[in-house]
Each structure stands twice: as structure tokens, then as C-alpha cells.
Amino acid sequence: MAEPRPDLEVVVLGSGTCVPSRERSSCALLVRTAGRSFLLDAGPGTLRRLAEAEVAIDDLTAVLVSHLHPDHTADLVPLLFATKYDPEGRRTDPLLLVGGRGFADFYARLKGAYGEWIDPGRGRLEIREVAVEAPDALRLAGVEVRTAPTVHTPQSVAFRLESPAGHSLVYSGDTDWAEPLVQLAEGADLLVCEAAFPEGRKVQGHLTPALAGRIAARAGVRRLMLTHFYPACEAADIAAQCRRSWAGPLLLARDLLRVSLP
């Protein structure tokens, strides 16, 4: 007998950055719940990792974009191009693209470069924007999605997905310390939080492991996963640095890592 599918499943598709790596693709996360699949960010290498995770692009309900940097959006172009090629008509609902205010203009500028090749056709693509100056909320295919502004770019937002059964995941995207992120993550079952640089190498607009741990502790999350590792992290004891501020369950992201809730 097949095991029942978890209420909420997370697959890390990319745990790296803009720096090319054989082990880590750029930022991307797959979240499955209520029979739907949500892609959070789509950096370079995302489509390859989706294939390795045995997920067809036609199965994606929505793509949630935390901000517009290339290491979070570069695979949107091949994703849309591939969505246009659907000779069997497998996609019956439009693909939803969700991003902060200004995302529709970003897509329009991409179309200015690529033209009809990234337009899947009438009724096959829908774009929704969320606020970037305050928390926002929307419902996507029966799944509650909440957002909050973060400290990285003017379009940057974090996402919280809540399953119909009440399990929750928060994805920080790229950010520095941000009180709205703490509030968004309150009581979450899993916080997937960037920790781009080790202690002593802090870069504006990003977190260190100890800062990510402080956010998790302040928010009272149940589990913390660190991700978005620049090369300097590979030579550091990221877990030990996080333990300065976080005593709860801790995961270090790697590509194709799977986590189930509950």
C-alpha cells in the first residue's frame, strides 16, 4: 500500500547563489500541498532540478517570486517558453505568476526581449502582484498565501503558505533583518531562511546564520532551514554559528533535500 502523501512537502531545488556550482543550483523551492505544486523562485538550474525531482512543469500551480534578481528569476524565461510548448494540452488552468508590485512590468520587459516565445497564449498565464510596503494576502487554488516586505530590493517579499490542515511554511527570500519577516514567520512549522554569508562576512541585504537563528527564535518557529549559501559558507561551520541564537531543530539546505510536514 502506498504511503499517504504528507500534508505539506518541501523540496529544495536550489540552495546556492549567483555563483556557479556543481552541487548547488540558484534559489528555488518546491512546495506541495492540497494536491497543488508551488514554485518559490526560479533561479538558474531550477528546471533541471524539477526534472530530477520528477515534477512536470505542467503540474505547477503557481510561481511565487521573492524579488527580481537573476539568481531568483532566470529560469522563468525557459519555464514560460516550455509552457508554451504543450501539444497534448496537459495544462488546464492558467499558470499563476506572483510577485511584488512591479512584477507585471518586469514580465512586460521580458516580453520586449523575447516576444511571443514567453507568452503561453490567451488564458494560460495570470499575473498577480502583492504589496511591497506592507503585509498582504491572497488565496491560490485553495491555499492561503501571506506576504511581508523584506529588506533587500524595493520589490522583495517573503511568503507564507498555509495548508488546508493548518501546516505552514515561510520562505524568506533574500533579506537583511526585517521585523515584518519575524511577524510573518510567527509559529510557522518550517522557516526556510537565507543565511548567505558566515559570521564576520556580513553583507548588507543578507543574513548570517546567527541572525537567521534570531529571527527563528523571535518568531517561535518549529523548525529552521538555512539556505542561499555563498561559497564562503562552505568553509564555515554554519550550524555552529546558527546555534549561537537558535536551539531548535535545524536543517542546512542542499539541492533535492525533501522535508515533510507533519
Protein backbone atom coordinates (compact mmCIF):
# COMPACT_ATOMS: atom_id res chain seq x y z
CA MET A 1 0.00 0.00 0.00
CA ALA A 2 1.36 3.40 -0.95
CA GLU A 3 2.19 5.73 1.92
CA PRO A 4 -0.15 8.72 2.26
CA ARG A 5 1.19 11.98 0.88
CA PRO A 6 2.22 14.43 3.62
CA ASP A 7 0.01 17.44 4.22
CA LEU A 8 2.82 19.75 3.10
CA GLU A 9 6.00 18.67 1.34
CA VAL A 10 9.05 20.84 0.61
CA VAL A 11 11.73 20.04 -1.97
CA VAL A 12 14.84 22.21 -2.17
CA LEU A 13 15.54 22.81 -5.86
CA GLY A 14 18.34 25.31 -5.36
CA SER A 15 20.34 26.15 -2.23
CA GLY A 16 23.02 28.29 -3.84
CA THR A 17 23.50 31.74 -5.30
CA CYS A 18 24.57 33.55 -8.44
CA VAL A 19 27.97 31.83 -8.18
CA PRO A 20 28.01 28.72 -10.42
CA SER A 21 28.30 25.44 -8.53
CA ARG A 22 28.04 21.77 -9.46
CA GLU A 23 26.38 20.99 -6.13
CA ARG A 24 24.04 23.94 -5.69
CA SER A 25 21.63 25.49 -8.17
CA SER A 26 20.45 29.04 -7.58
CA CYS A 27 17.49 29.73 -5.32
CA ALA A 28 14.32 27.71 -5.77
CA LEU A 29 11.92 25.79 -3.55
CA LEU A 30 9.02 23.48 -4.41
CA VAL A 31 6.08 23.29 -2.01
CA ARG A 32 3.32 20.71 -2.45
CA THR A 33 0.05 20.82 -0.55
CA ALA A 34 -3.65 20.17 -1.18
CA GLY A 35 -2.77 18.47 -4.46
CA ARG A 36 -1.08 21.63 -5.75
CA SER A 37 2.54 22.48 -6.50
CA PHE A 38 4.04 25.90 -5.86
CA LEU A 39 7.45 27.03 -7.09
CA LEU A 40 9.10 29.67 -4.92
CA ASP A 41 11.71 31.49 -7.01
CA ALA A 42 13.27 30.13 -10.18
CA GLY A 43 16.99 30.75 -10.32
CA PRO A 44 19.30 29.13 -12.89
CA GLY A 45 19.13 25.34 -12.72
CA THR A 46 15.57 25.18 -11.40
CA LEU A 47 14.08 23.35 -14.38
CA ARG A 48 16.82 20.72 -14.28
CA ARG A 49 16.21 20.15 -10.58
CA LEU A 50 12.45 19.93 -11.18
CA ALA A 51 13.08 17.17 -13.70
CA GLU A 52 15.35 15.37 -11.24
CA ALA A 53 12.60 15.65 -8.62
CA GLU A 54 10.21 14.09 -11.19
CA VAL A 55 7.94 17.13 -11.29
CA ALA A 56 6.49 18.18 -14.64
CA ILE A 57 6.18 21.90 -15.29
CA ASP A 58 2.53 21.34 -16.24
CA ASP A 59 1.94 20.31 -12.63
CA LEU A 60 2.95 23.73 -11.30
CA THR A 61 0.04 25.77 -9.99
CA ALA A 62 1.96 28.99 -9.36
CA VAL A 63 5.39 30.56 -9.31
CA LEU A 64 5.97 32.92 -6.36
CA VAL A 65 8.86 35.32 -6.94
CA SER A 66 10.54 36.90 -3.91
CA HIS A 67 12.35 39.58 -5.95
CA LEU A 68 13.69 40.23 -9.43
CA HIS A 69 17.41 39.40 -9.19
CA PRO A 70 18.63 36.95 -11.87
CA ASP A 71 19.57 34.23 -9.37
CA HIS A 72 15.89 34.11 -8.39
CA THR A 73 14.22 34.62 -11.79
CA ALA A 74 16.50 33.47 -14.63
CA ASP A 75 14.66 30.18 -15.24
CA LEU A 76 11.33 31.98 -15.67
CA VAL A 77 12.14 32.51 -19.35
CA PRO A 78 12.74 28.83 -20.20
CA LEU A 79 9.81 27.86 -17.96
CA LEU A 80 7.41 30.09 -19.90
CA PHE A 81 8.90 29.00 -23.23
CA ALA A 82 8.41 25.34 -22.25
CA THR A 83 4.87 26.06 -21.02
CA LYS A 84 4.06 27.44 -24.47
CA TYR A 85 5.00 24.06 -25.92
CA ASP A 86 2.12 21.87 -24.74
CA PRO A 87 0.95 19.78 -27.72
CA GLU A 88 -1.07 17.44 -25.51
CA GLY A 89 -2.86 20.27 -23.71
CA ARG A 90 -1.95 18.99 -20.26
CA ARG A 91 -2.26 22.39 -18.58
CA THR A 92 -5.93 23.10 -17.97
CA ASP A 93 -5.58 26.04 -15.55
CA PRO A 94 -3.51 29.15 -16.18
CA LEU A 95 -0.03 29.28 -14.67
CA LEU A 96 -0.05 31.91 -11.94
CA LEU A 97 2.93 34.23 -11.54
CA VAL A 98 3.00 36.14 -8.25
CA GLY A 99 5.46 38.87 -7.31
CA GLY A 100 5.74 42.21 -5.59
CA ARG A 101 4.38 45.40 -7.08
CA GLY A 102 6.20 45.97 -10.36
CA PHE A 103 6.30 42.32 -11.38
CA ALA A 104 3.86 42.81 -14.28
CA ASP A 105 6.17 45.46 -15.71
CA PHE A 106 9.11 43.07 -15.30
CA TYR A 107 7.25 40.46 -17.35
CA ALA A 108 6.35 43.06 -19.98
CA ARG A 109 10.03 43.95 -20.33
CA LEU A 110 10.93 40.28 -20.69
CA LYS A 111 8.37 40.05 -23.49
CA GLY A 112 10.03 43.08 -25.06
CA ALA A 113 13.17 40.97 -25.33
CA TYR A 114 11.70 37.53 -26.10
CA GLY A 115 8.36 38.40 -27.67
CA GLU A 116 5.66 35.76 -28.10
CA TRP A 117 8.05 32.95 -27.17
CA ILE A 118 7.39 33.54 -23.48
CA ASP A 119 3.66 34.18 -23.89
CA PRO A 120 1.90 30.81 -23.37
CA GLY A 121 -1.25 32.15 -25.01
CA ARG A 122 -4.62 33.57 -24.08
CA GLY A 123 -5.97 32.27 -20.80
CA ARG A 124 -2.83 30.24 -19.99
CA LEU A 125 -0.98 32.79 -17.84
CA GLU A 126 -2.14 35.03 -14.99
CA ILE A 127 -0.03 37.61 -13.13
CA ARG A 128 -0.85 38.82 -9.64
CA GLU A 129 1.03 41.44 -7.68
CA VAL A 130 1.27 41.80 -3.89
CA ALA A 131 2.07 44.85 -1.81
CA VAL A 132 5.73 45.64 -1.16
CA GLU A 133 5.20 48.30 1.52
CA ALA A 134 3.01 46.28 3.89
CA PRO A 135 1.80 42.71 4.55
CA ASP A 136 -0.59 41.25 2.00
CA ALA A 137 -2.57 38.06 1.47
CA LEU A 138 -4.17 36.08 -1.32
CA ARG A 139 -5.69 32.65 -1.88
CA LEU A 140 -4.23 30.47 -4.61
CA ALA A 141 -6.10 27.29 -5.57
CA GLY A 142 -7.41 26.85 -2.05
CA VAL A 143 -4.10 27.59 -0.33
CA GLU A 144 -3.68 30.65 1.86
CA VAL A 145 -0.63 32.73 0.95
CA ARG A 146 0.53 35.65 3.07
CA THR A 147 3.38 38.00 2.25
CA ALA A 148 5.50 40.60 4.01
CA PRO A 149 8.09 43.10 2.79
CA THR A 150 11.73 42.30 3.41
CA VAL A 151 14.96 44.32 3.31
CA HIS A 152 16.78 43.63 0.06
CA THR A 153 15.30 45.38 -3.00
CA PRO A 154 12.19 47.56 -3.43
CA GLN A 155 10.26 44.52 -4.75
CA SER A 156 11.40 42.00 -2.13
CA VAL A 157 8.80 39.99 -0.23
CA ALA A 158 8.71 36.86 1.90
CA PHE A 159 5.98 34.23 1.54
CA ARG A 160 3.99 32.13 3.99
CA LEU A 161 1.97 29.17 2.68
CA GLU A 162 -0.61 27.53 4.91
CA SER A 163 -2.13 24.15 4.05
CA PRO A 164 -5.85 23.47 4.48
CA ALA A 165 -4.91 21.34 7.50
CA GLY A 166 -3.06 24.26 9.09
CA HIS A 167 0.60 23.44 8.47
CA SER A 168 2.75 26.38 7.45
CA LEU A 169 5.98 27.17 5.64
CA VAL A 170 7.68 30.56 5.45
CA TYR A 171 10.26 31.39 2.79
CA SER A 172 12.34 34.49 3.46
CA GLY A 173 13.76 35.12 0.01
CA ASP A 174 16.77 37.44 0.25
CA THR A 175 16.70 39.80 3.20
CA ASP A 176 18.53 41.60 5.95
CA TRP A 177 16.95 41.76 9.41
CA ALA A 178 13.25 42.54 8.87
CA GLU A 179 10.62 42.80 11.60
CA PRO A 180 7.81 42.04 9.11
CA LEU A 181 9.53 38.69 8.41
CA VAL A 182 9.58 37.90 12.14
CA GLN A 183 5.84 38.60 12.30
CA LEU A 184 5.10 36.61 9.14
CA ALA A 185 7.01 33.59 10.47
CA GLU A 186 5.33 33.55 13.88
CA GLY A 187 4.57 29.95 14.88
CA ALA A 188 5.42 28.51 11.46
CA ASP A 189 6.15 24.80 11.18
CA LEU A 190 9.18 25.49 8.98
CA LEU A 191 11.10 28.68 8.23
CA VAL A 192 13.35 28.45 5.16
CA CYS A 193 15.65 31.39 5.71
CA GLU A 194 18.60 32.74 3.81
CA ALA A 195 21.99 32.74 5.56
CA ALA A 196 24.07 33.94 2.66
CA PHE A 197 27.33 34.71 4.44
CA PRO A 198 29.08 33.36 7.55
CA GLU A 199 29.66 35.40 10.69
CA GLY A 200 32.30 38.04 10.14
CA ARG A 201 31.44 38.34 6.44
CA LYS A 202 28.11 40.16 6.80
CA VAL A 203 26.86 41.81 3.58
CA GLN A 204 24.13 44.44 3.54
CA GLY A 205 20.80 43.00 2.41
CA HIS A 206 21.63 39.48 3.61
CA LEU A 207 21.64 37.48 6.84
CA THR A 208 24.25 35.45 8.68
CA PRO A 209 23.41 32.12 10.38
CA ALA A 210 23.18 33.75 13.82
CA LEU A 211 20.83 36.46 12.54
CA ALA A 212 18.65 33.85 10.84
CA GLY A 213 18.59 31.95 14.13
CA ARG A 214 17.49 35.09 15.97
CA ILE A 215 14.60 35.54 13.55
CA ALA A 216 13.55 31.91 14.07
CA ALA A 217 13.76 32.23 17.84
CA ARG A 218 11.85 35.53 17.93
CA ALA A 219 9.13 34.05 15.68
CA GLY A 220 8.86 30.82 17.67
CA VAL A 221 9.05 28.59 14.61
CA ARG A 222 9.16 24.82 15.00
CA ARG A 223 11.98 24.12 12.53
CA LEU A 224 14.57 26.25 10.74
CA MET A 225 16.24 25.52 7.42
CA LEU A 226 19.15 27.71 6.29
CA THR A 227 19.73 28.22 2.56
CA HIS A 228 21.19 30.54 -0.13
CA PHE A 229 24.81 29.74 0.68
CA TYR A 230 27.57 31.76 -0.96
CA PRO A 231 30.93 29.96 -1.36
CA ALA A 232 32.29 31.45 1.88
CA CYS A 233 29.70 29.38 3.76
CA GLU A 234 31.17 26.11 2.50
CA ALA A 235 34.31 26.59 4.59
CA ALA A 236 32.46 27.70 7.74
CA ASP A 237 30.60 25.79 10.45
CA ILE A 238 27.22 27.27 9.57
CA ALA A 239 25.32 25.08 12.02
CA ALA A 240 27.52 26.06 14.96
CA GLN A 241 27.15 29.74 14.09
CA CYS A 242 23.37 29.39 13.98
CA ARG A 243 23.40 27.63 17.37
CA ARG A 244 24.53 30.91 18.97
CA SER A 245 20.93 32.08 18.69
CA TRP A 246 18.80 29.02 17.78
CA ALA A 247 18.39 25.86 19.86
CA GLY A 248 15.58 24.20 17.92
CA PRO A 249 15.61 21.68 15.06
CA LEU A 250 17.98 22.86 12.33
CA LEU A 251 18.45 21.83 8.69
CA LEU A 252 21.07 23.00 6.21
CA ALA A 253 19.60 23.09 2.72
CA ARG A 254 21.06 21.04 -0.09
CA ASP A 255 19.64 20.54 -3.55
CA LEU A 256 16.87 17.91 -3.70
CA LEU A 257 16.51 17.72 0.09
CA ARG A 258 12.90 16.79 0.95
CA VAL A 259 11.06 17.75 4.13
CA SER A 260 7.55 16.65 5.05
CA LEU A 261 5.09 18.37 7.37
CA PRO A 262 3.96 16.92 9.62
